[in-house]
Amino acid sequence: MSVKIRLSRCGRKKRPFFRLVAIDTRKKRDGAYLENLGTYDPFSHELIQFHKERIDHWLSVGALFTDSAAKLYKMHSKQKPAAK
């Protein structure tokens, strides 16, 4: 089984909202996924949730990013850490 980390579309018509998911490559875009790894709002260009530890786990067991998911991962790593 080949696993990819990719975006799954949800939200209403003309107002998309995406989940970052680990999914078998043979499944549909919005099909059953293995694990939810985060959420992304394209209108505000903001990552709502981002589970970096779980993404790193999936990468360590052989999962691959799609192009759009890789951009989100890069965007998250460029953000400054939140002040405590």
PDB file of N, CA and C in Angstrom:
ATOM      1  N   MET A   1       0.849  -1.179   0.000  1.00  0.00           N
ATOM      2  CA  MET A   1       0.000   0.000   0.000  1.00  0.00           C
ATOM      3  C   MET A   1       0.888   1.232   0.000  1.00  0.00           C
ATOM      4  N   SER A   2       0.669   2.116  -0.944  1.00  0.00           N
ATOM      5  CA  SER A   2       1.417   3.362  -1.041  1.00  0.00           C
ATOM      6  C   SER A   2       0.591   4.482  -0.410  1.00  0.00           C
ATOM      7  N   VAL A   3       1.214   5.226   0.481  1.00  0.00           N
ATOM      8  CA  VAL A   3       0.514   6.288   1.206  1.00  0.00           C
ATOM      9  C   VAL A   3       1.039   7.639   0.764  1.00  0.00           C
ATOM     10  N   LYS A   4       0.128   8.589   0.575  1.00  0.00           N
ATOM     11  CA  LYS A   4       0.490   9.963   0.259  1.00  0.00           C
ATOM     12  C   LYS A   4      -0.136  10.884   1.283  1.00  0.00           C
ATOM     13  N   ILE A   5       0.529  12.002   1.503  1.00  0.00           N
ATOM     14  CA  ILE A   5      -0.033  13.070   2.327  1.00  0.00           C
ATOM     15  C   ILE A   5      -0.524  14.111   1.349  1.00  0.00           C
ATOM     16  N   ARG A   6      -1.849  14.304   1.317  1.00  0.00           N
ATOM     17  CA  ARG A   6      -2.440  15.208   0.338  1.00  0.00           C
ATOM     18  C   ARG A   6      -3.621  15.942   0.932  1.00  0.00           C
ATOM     19  N   LEU A   7      -4.207  16.845   0.126  1.00  0.00           N
ATOM     20  CA  LEU A   7      -5.341  17.645   0.584  1.00  0.00           C
ATOM     21  C   LEU A   7      -6.648  16.966   0.207  1.00  0.00           C
ATOM     22  N   SER A   8      -7.611  17.068   1.107  1.00  0.00           N
ATOM     23  CA  SER A   8      -8.958  16.575   0.869  1.00  0.00           C
ATOM     24  C   SER A   8      -9.898  17.762   1.020  1.00  0.00           C
ATOM     25  N   ARG A   9     -10.733  17.993   0.018  1.00  0.00           N
ATOM     26  CA  ARG A   9     -11.591  19.181   0.027  1.00  0.00           C
ATOM     27  C   ARG A   9     -12.847  18.943   0.835  1.00  0.00           C
ATOM     28  N   CYS A  10     -13.184  19.923   1.655  1.00  0.00           N
ATOM     29  CA  CYS A  10     -14.469  19.936   2.343  1.00  0.00           C
ATOM     30  C   CYS A  10     -14.927  21.391   2.357  1.00  0.00           C
ATOM     31  N   GLY A  11     -16.016  21.678   2.995  1.00  0.00           N
ATOM     32  CA  GLY A  11     -16.550  23.029   2.959  1.00  0.00           C
ATOM     33  C   GLY A  11     -17.724  23.098   2.005  1.00  0.00           C
ATOM     34  N   ARG A  12     -18.265  24.273   1.860  1.00  0.00           N
ATOM     35  CA  ARG A  12     -19.439  24.404   1.001  1.00  0.00           C
ATOM     36  C   ARG A  12     -19.061  24.887  -0.394  1.00  0.00           C
ATOM     37  N   LYS A  13     -20.058  25.052  -1.227  1.00  0.00           N
ATOM     38  CA  LYS A  13     -19.850  25.462  -2.607  1.00  0.00           C
ATOM     39  C   LYS A  13     -19.196  26.847  -2.668  1.00  0.00           C
ATOM     40  N   LYS A  14     -18.149  26.970  -3.461  1.00  0.00           N
ATOM     41  CA  LYS A  14     -17.403  28.207  -3.669  1.00  0.00           C
ATOM     42  C   LYS A  14     -16.746  28.748  -2.393  1.00  0.00           C
ATOM     43  N   ARG A  15     -16.635  27.915  -1.376  1.00  0.00           N
ATOM     44  CA  ARG A  15     -15.958  28.284  -0.121  1.00  0.00           C
ATOM     45  C   ARG A  15     -15.195  27.060   0.381  1.00  0.00           C
ATOM     46  N   PRO A  16     -14.091  26.720  -0.313  1.00  0.00           N
ATOM     47  CA  PRO A  16     -13.391  25.484   0.037  1.00  0.00           C
ATOM     48  C   PRO A  16     -12.664  25.571   1.375  1.00  0.00           C
ATOM     49  N   PHE A  17     -12.461  24.425   1.939  1.00  0.00           N
ATOM     50  CA  PHE A  17     -11.722  24.241   3.181  1.00  0.00           C
ATOM     51  C   PHE A  17     -11.046  22.885   3.022  1.00  0.00           C
ATOM     52  N   PHE A  18      -9.800  22.779   3.366  1.00  0.00           N
ATOM     53  CA  PHE A  18      -9.067  21.556   3.086  1.00  0.00           C
ATOM     54  C   PHE A  18      -8.576  20.877   4.354  1.00  0.00           C
ATOM     55  N   ARG A  19      -8.574  19.544   4.310  1.00  0.00           N
ATOM     56  CA  ARG A  19      -7.944  18.737   5.344  1.00  0.00           C
ATOM     57  C   ARG A  19      -6.639  18.200   4.765  1.00  0.00           C
ATOM     58  N   LEU A  20      -5.615  18.174   5.564  1.00  0.00           N
ATOM     59  CA  LEU A  20      -4.357  17.537   5.201  1.00  0.00           C
ATOM     60  C   LEU A  20      -4.441  16.121   5.745  1.00  0.00           C
ATOM     61  N   VAL A  21      -4.425  15.126   4.859  1.00  0.00           N
ATOM     62  CA  VAL A  21      -4.678  13.750   5.280  1.00  0.00           C
ATOM     63  C   VAL A  21      -3.611  12.793   4.750  1.00  0.00           C
ATOM     64  N   ALA A  22      -3.430  11.690   5.484  1.00  0.00           N
ATOM     65  CA  ALA A  22      -2.648  10.556   5.001  1.00  0.00           C
ATOM     66  C   ALA A  22      -3.654   9.590   4.397  1.00  0.00           C
ATOM     67  N   ILE A  23      -3.436   9.216   3.135  1.00  0.00           N
ATOM     68  CA  ILE A  23      -4.428   8.434   2.414  1.00  0.00           C
ATOM     69  C   ILE A  23      -3.743   7.468   1.446  1.00  0.00           C
ATOM     70  N   ASP A  24      -4.373   6.335   1.219  1.00  0.00           N
ATOM     71  CA  ASP A  24      -3.892   5.377   0.228  1.00  0.00           C
ATOM     72  C   ASP A  24      -4.040   6.025  -1.154  1.00  0.00           C
ATOM     73  N   THR A  25      -3.055   5.860  -2.005  1.00  0.00           N
ATOM     74  CA  THR A  25      -3.061   6.529  -3.313  1.00  0.00           C
ATOM     75  C   THR A  25      -4.191   6.075  -4.216  1.00  0.00           C
ATOM     76  N   ARG A  26      -4.760   4.903  -3.953  1.00  0.00           N
ATOM     77  CA  ARG A  26      -5.833   4.392  -4.810  1.00  0.00           C
ATOM     78  C   ARG A  26      -7.204   4.950  -4.449  1.00  0.00           C
ATOM     79  N   LYS A  27      -7.310   5.668  -3.344  1.00  0.00           N
ATOM     80  CA  LYS A  27      -8.594   6.231  -2.915  1.00  0.00           C
ATOM     81  C   LYS A  27      -8.911   7.516  -3.660  1.00  0.00           C
ATOM     82  N   LYS A  28     -10.192   7.906  -3.642  1.00  0.00           N
ATOM     83  CA  LYS A  28     -10.626   9.154  -4.247  1.00  0.00           C
ATOM     84  C   LYS A  28     -10.101  10.342  -3.442  1.00  0.00           C
ATOM     85  N   ARG A  29     -10.194  11.523  -4.022  1.00  0.00           N
ATOM     86  CA  ARG A  29      -9.717  12.731  -3.346  1.00  0.00           C
ATOM     87  C   ARG A  29     -10.384  12.918  -1.990  1.00  0.00           C
ATOM     88  N   ASP A  30     -11.678  12.720  -1.935  1.00  0.00           N
ATOM     89  CA  ASP A  30     -12.419  12.917  -0.685  1.00  0.00           C
ATOM     90  C   ASP A  30     -12.830  11.583  -0.069  1.00  0.00           C
ATOM     91  N   GLY A  31     -12.135  10.511  -0.409  1.00  0.00           N
ATOM     92  CA  GLY A  31     -12.463   9.184   0.100  1.00  0.00           C
ATOM     93  C   GLY A  31     -12.005   8.988   1.534  1.00  0.00           C
ATOM     94  N   ALA A  32     -12.147   7.773   1.999  1.00  0.00           N
ATOM     95  CA  ALA A  32     -11.767   7.435   3.369  1.00  0.00           C
ATOM     96  C   ALA A  32     -10.258   7.558   3.532  1.00  0.00           C
ATOM     97  N   TYR A  33      -9.837   8.291   4.545  1.00  0.00           N
ATOM     98  CA  TYR A  33      -8.411   8.506   4.775  1.00  0.00           C
ATOM     99  C   TYR A  33      -7.952   7.753   6.010  1.00  0.00           C
ATOM    100  N   LEU A  34      -6.641   7.599   6.126  1.00  0.00           N
ATOM    101  CA  LEU A  34      -6.059   6.874   7.250  1.00  0.00           C
ATOM    102  C   LEU A  34      -5.986   7.747   8.502  1.00  0.00           C
ATOM    103  N   GLU A  35      -5.596   9.018   8.316  1.00  0.00           N
ATOM    104  CA  GLU A  35      -5.472   9.910   9.465  1.00  0.00           C
ATOM    105  C   GLU A  35      -5.565  11.362   9.016  1.00  0.00           C
ATOM    106  N   ASN A  36      -6.245  12.180   9.828  1.00  0.00           N
ATOM    107  CA  ASN A  36      -6.326  13.616   9.601  1.00  0.00           C
ATOM    108  C   ASN A  36      -5.098  14.267  10.226  1.00  0.00           C
ATOM    109  N   LEU A  37      -4.337  15.016   9.419  1.00  0.00           N
ATOM    110  CA  LEU A  37      -3.084  15.592   9.895  1.00  0.00           C
ATOM    111  C   LEU A  37      -3.140  17.100  10.070  1.00  0.00           C
ATOM    112  N   GLY A  38      -4.221  17.720   9.665  1.00  0.00           N
ATOM    113  CA  GLY A  38      -4.343  19.164   9.828  1.00  0.00           C
ATOM    114  C   GLY A  38      -5.450  19.716   8.960  1.00  0.00           C
ATOM    115  N   THR A  39      -5.693  21.026   9.102  1.00  0.00           N
ATOM    116  CA  THR A  39      -6.696  21.703   8.286  1.00  0.00           C
ATOM    117  C   THR A  39      -6.121  23.017   7.779  1.00  0.00           C
ATOM    118  N   TYR A  40      -6.621  23.453   6.617  1.00  0.00           N
ATOM    119  CA  TYR A  40      -6.097  24.635   5.948  1.00  0.00           C
ATOM    120  C   TYR A  40      -7.250  25.438   5.357  1.00  0.00           C
ATOM    121  N   ASP A  41      -7.229  26.757   5.588  1.00  0.00           N
ATOM    122  CA  ASP A  41      -8.225  27.662   5.025  1.00  0.00           C
ATOM    123  C   ASP A  41      -7.548  28.481   3.928  1.00  0.00           C
ATOM    124  N   PRO A  42      -7.875  28.253   2.640  1.00  0.00           N
ATOM    125  CA  PRO A  42      -7.193  28.955   1.556  1.00  0.00           C
ATOM    126  C   PRO A  42      -7.561  30.437   1.443  1.00  0.00           C
ATOM    127  N   PHE A  43      -8.685  30.861   1.992  1.00  0.00           N
ATOM    128  CA  PHE A  43      -9.054  32.266   1.892  1.00  0.00           C
ATOM    129  C   PHE A  43      -8.229  33.143   2.825  1.00  0.00           C
ATOM    130  N   SER A  44      -7.931  32.643   3.991  1.00  0.00           N
ATOM    131  CA  SER A  44      -7.086  33.406   4.912  1.00  0.00           C
ATOM    132  C   SER A  44      -5.635  32.957   4.853  1.00  0.00           C
ATOM    133  N   HIS A  45      -5.327  31.950   4.018  1.00  0.00           N
ATOM    134  CA  HIS A  45      -3.978  31.375   3.898  1.00  0.00           C
ATOM    135  C   HIS A  45      -3.426  31.017   5.268  1.00  0.00           C
ATOM    136  N   GLU A  46      -4.249  30.305   6.032  1.00  0.00           N
ATOM    137  CA  GLU A  46      -3.899  29.990   7.408  1.00  0.00           C
ATOM    138  C   GLU A  46      -4.062  28.489   7.670  1.00  0.00           C
ATOM    139  N   LEU A  47      -3.086  27.937   8.350  1.00  0.00           N
ATOM    140  CA  LEU A  47      -3.187  26.560   8.814  1.00  0.00           C
ATOM    141  C   LEU A  47      -3.921  26.585  10.143  1.00  0.00           C
ATOM    142  N   ILE A  48      -5.106  26.005  10.193  1.00  0.00           N
ATOM    143  CA  ILE A  48      -5.905  25.998  11.414  1.00  0.00           C
ATOM    144  C   ILE A  48      -5.323  24.993  12.398  1.00  0.00           C
ATOM    145  N   GLN A  49      -5.109  23.778  11.933  1.00  0.00           N
ATOM    146  CA  GLN A  49      -4.482  22.720  12.733  1.00  0.00           C
ATOM    147  C   GLN A  49      -3.314  22.189  11.928  1.00  0.00           C
ATOM    148  N   PHE A  50      -2.283  21.741  12.630  1.00  0.00           N
ATOM    149  CA  PHE A  50      -1.143  21.150  11.945  1.00  0.00           C
ATOM    150  C   PHE A  50      -0.445  20.227  12.921  1.00  0.00           C
ATOM    151  N   HIS A  51      -0.499  18.931  12.658  1.00  0.00           N
ATOM    152  CA  HIS A  51       0.080  17.924  13.549  1.00  0.00           C
ATOM    153  C   HIS A  51       1.432  17.488  12.989  1.00  0.00           C
ATOM    154  N   LYS A  52       2.458  18.275  13.275  1.00  0.00           N
ATOM    155  CA  LYS A  52       3.799  18.035  12.716  1.00  0.00           C
ATOM    156  C   LYS A  52       4.366  16.682  13.136  1.00  0.00           C
ATOM    157  N   GLU A  53       4.133  16.273  14.383  1.00  0.00           N
ATOM    158  CA  GLU A  53       4.669  14.996  14.860  1.00  0.00           C
ATOM    159  C   GLU A  53       4.112  13.825  14.052  1.00  0.00           C
ATOM    160  N   ARG A  54       2.805  13.869  13.790  1.00  0.00           N
ATOM    161  CA  ARG A  54       2.172  12.790  13.023  1.00  0.00           C
ATOM    162  C   ARG A  54       2.619  12.812  11.559  1.00  0.00           C
ATOM    163  N   ILE A  55       2.820  14.003  10.998  1.00  0.00           N
ATOM    164  CA  ILE A  55       3.311  14.098   9.620  1.00  0.00           C
ATOM    165  C   ILE A  55       4.711  13.505   9.541  1.00  0.00           C
ATOM    166  N   ASP A  56       5.562  13.841  10.509  1.00  0.00           N
ATOM    167  CA  ASP A  56       6.911  13.281  10.533  1.00  0.00           C
ATOM    168  C   ASP A  56       6.881  11.758  10.675  1.00  0.00           C
ATOM    169  N   HIS A  57       5.922  11.254  11.455  1.00  0.00           N
ATOM    170  CA  HIS A  57       5.773   9.800  11.584  1.00  0.00           C
ATOM    171  C   HIS A  57       5.445   9.173  10.235  1.00  0.00           C
ATOM    172  N   TRP A  58       4.480   9.730   9.519  1.00  0.00           N
ATOM    173  CA  TRP A  58       4.084   9.164   8.224  1.00  0.00           C
ATOM    174  C   TRP A  58       5.228   9.257   7.224  1.00  0.00           C
ATOM    175  N   LEU A  59       5.994  10.344   7.267  1.00  0.00           N
ATOM    176  CA  LEU A  59       7.139  10.459   6.369  1.00  0.00           C
ATOM    177  C   LEU A  59       8.194   9.409   6.694  1.00  0.00           C
ATOM    178  N   SER A  60       8.359   9.099   7.981  1.00  0.00           N
ATOM    179  CA  SER A  60       9.364   8.111   8.380  1.00  0.00           C
ATOM    180  C   SER A  60       9.003   6.690   7.949  1.00  0.00           C
ATOM    181  N   VAL A  61       7.725   6.421   7.773  1.00  0.00           N
ATOM    182  CA  VAL A  61       7.320   5.078   7.332  1.00  0.00           C
ATOM    183  C   VAL A  61       7.115   5.000   5.824  1.00  0.00           C
ATOM    184  N   GLY A  62       7.478   6.072   5.095  1.00  0.00           N
ATOM    185  CA  GLY A  62       7.486   5.992   3.640  1.00  0.00           C
ATOM    186  C   GLY A  62       6.427   6.768   2.897  1.00  0.00           C
ATOM    187  N   ALA A  63       5.619   7.555   3.572  1.00  0.00           N
ATOM    188  CA  ALA A  63       4.606   8.345   2.879  1.00  0.00           C
ATOM    189  C   ALA A  63       5.278   9.463   2.085  1.00  0.00           C
ATOM    190  N   LEU A  64       4.628   9.895   1.021  1.00  0.00           N
ATOM    191  CA  LEU A  64       5.143  10.967   0.173  1.00  0.00           C
ATOM    192  C   LEU A  64       4.172  12.128   0.155  1.00  0.00           C
ATOM    193  N   PHE A  65       4.698  13.340   0.007  1.00  0.00           N
ATOM    194  CA  PHE A  65       3.870  14.534  -0.132  1.00  0.00           C
ATOM    195  C   PHE A  65       3.411  14.701  -1.571  1.00  0.00           C
ATOM    196  N   THR A  66       2.241  15.309  -1.749  1.00  0.00           N
ATOM    197  CA  THR A  66       1.887  15.857  -3.049  1.00  0.00           C
ATOM    198  C   THR A  66       2.486  17.264  -3.088  1.00  0.00           C
ATOM    199  N   ASP A  67       2.461  17.905  -4.245  1.00  0.00           N
ATOM    200  CA  ASP A  67       3.062  19.234  -4.372  1.00  0.00           C
ATOM    201  C   ASP A  67       2.401  20.254  -3.453  1.00  0.00           C
ATOM    202  N   SER A  68       1.075  20.250  -3.418  1.00  0.00           N
ATOM    203  CA  SER A  68       0.361  21.235  -2.597  1.00  0.00           C
ATOM    204  C   SER A  68       0.562  20.992  -1.104  1.00  0.00           C
ATOM    205  N   ALA A  69       0.621  19.743  -0.700  1.00  0.00           N
ATOM    206  CA  ALA A  69       0.851  19.431   0.711  1.00  0.00           C
ATOM    207  C   ALA A  69       2.275  19.807   1.119  1.00  0.00           C
ATOM    208  N   ALA A  70       3.228  19.637   0.222  1.00  0.00           N
ATOM    209  CA  ALA A  70       4.611  20.019   0.511  1.00  0.00           C
ATOM    210  C   ALA A  70       4.723  21.521   0.705  1.00  0.00           C
ATOM    211  N   LYS A  71       3.965  22.303  -0.069  1.00  0.00           N
ATOM    212  CA  LYS A  71       3.969  23.764   0.094  1.00  0.00           C
ATOM    213  C   LYS A  71       3.442  24.154   1.472  1.00  0.00           C
ATOM    214  N   LEU A  72       2.397  23.483   1.935  1.00  0.00           N
ATOM    215  CA  LEU A  72       1.853  23.784   3.259  1.00  0.00           C
ATOM    216  C   LEU A  72       2.844  23.421   4.357  1.00  0.00           C
ATOM    217  N   TYR A  73       3.550  22.315   4.191  1.00  0.00           N
ATOM    218  CA  TYR A  73       4.553  21.897   5.172  1.00  0.00           C
ATOM    219  C   TYR A  73       5.677  22.928   5.243  1.00  0.00           C
ATOM    220  N   LYS A  74       6.094  23.422   4.078  1.00  0.00           N
ATOM    221  CA  LYS A  74       7.121  24.462   4.024  1.00  0.00           C
ATOM    222  C   LYS A  74       6.627  25.753   4.669  1.00  0.00           C
ATOM    223  N   MET A  75       5.370  26.108   4.381  1.00  0.00           N
ATOM    224  CA  MET A  75       4.788  27.325   4.938  1.00  0.00           C
ATOM    225  C   MET A  75       4.763  27.241   6.461  1.00  0.00           C
ATOM    226  N   HIS A  76       4.434  26.087   7.002  1.00  0.00           N
ATOM    227  CA  HIS A  76       4.387  25.916   8.451  1.00  0.00           C
ATOM    228  C   HIS A  76       5.781  26.022   9.061  1.00  0.00           C
ATOM    229  N   SER A  77       6.788  25.481   8.390  1.00  0.00           N
ATOM    230  CA  SER A  77       8.139  25.514   8.944  1.00  0.00           C
ATOM    231  C   SER A  77       8.737  26.918   8.896  1.00  0.00           C
ATOM    232  N   LYS A  78       8.244  27.787   7.995  1.00  0.00           N
ATOM    233  CA  LYS A  78       8.742  29.166   7.903  1.00  0.00           C
ATOM    234  C   LYS A  78       8.116  30.076   8.948  1.00  0.00           C
ATOM    235  N   GLN A  79       6.939  29.693   9.463  1.00  0.00           N
ATOM    236  CA  GLN A  79       6.260  30.534  10.457  1.00  0.00           C
ATOM    237  C   GLN A  79       7.089  30.593  11.722  1.00  0.00           C
ATOM    238  N   LYS A  80       7.055  31.756  12.354  1.00  0.00           N
ATOM    239  CA  LYS A  80       7.788  31.920  13.610  1.00  0.00           C
ATOM    240  C   LYS A  80       7.031  31.201  14.710  1.00  0.00           C
ATOM    241  N   PRO A  81       7.744  30.615  15.682  1.00  0.00           N
ATOM    242  CA  PRO A  81       7.071  29.971  16.789  1.00  0.00           C
ATOM    243  C   PRO A  81       6.281  30.988  17.614  1.00  0.00           C
ATOM    244  N   ALA A  82       5.162  30.544  18.143  1.00  0.00           N
ATOM    245  CA  ALA A  82       4.301  31.435  18.943  1.00  0.00           C
ATOM    246  C   ALA A  82       5.007  31.838  20.238  1.00  0.00           C
ATOM    247  N   ALA A  83       4.836  33.091  20.611  1.00  0.00           N
ATOM    248  CA  ALA A  83       5.441  33.583  21.861  1.00  0.00           C
ATOM    249  C   ALA A  83       4.700  33.032  23.050  1.00  0.00           C
ATOM    250  N   LYS A  84       5.435  32.657  24.083  1.00  0.00           N
ATOM    251  CA  LYS A  84       4.799  32.090  25.277  1.00  0.00           C
ATOM    252  C   LYS A  84       4.573  33.145  26.311  1.00  0.00           C
TER     253      LYS A  84
END
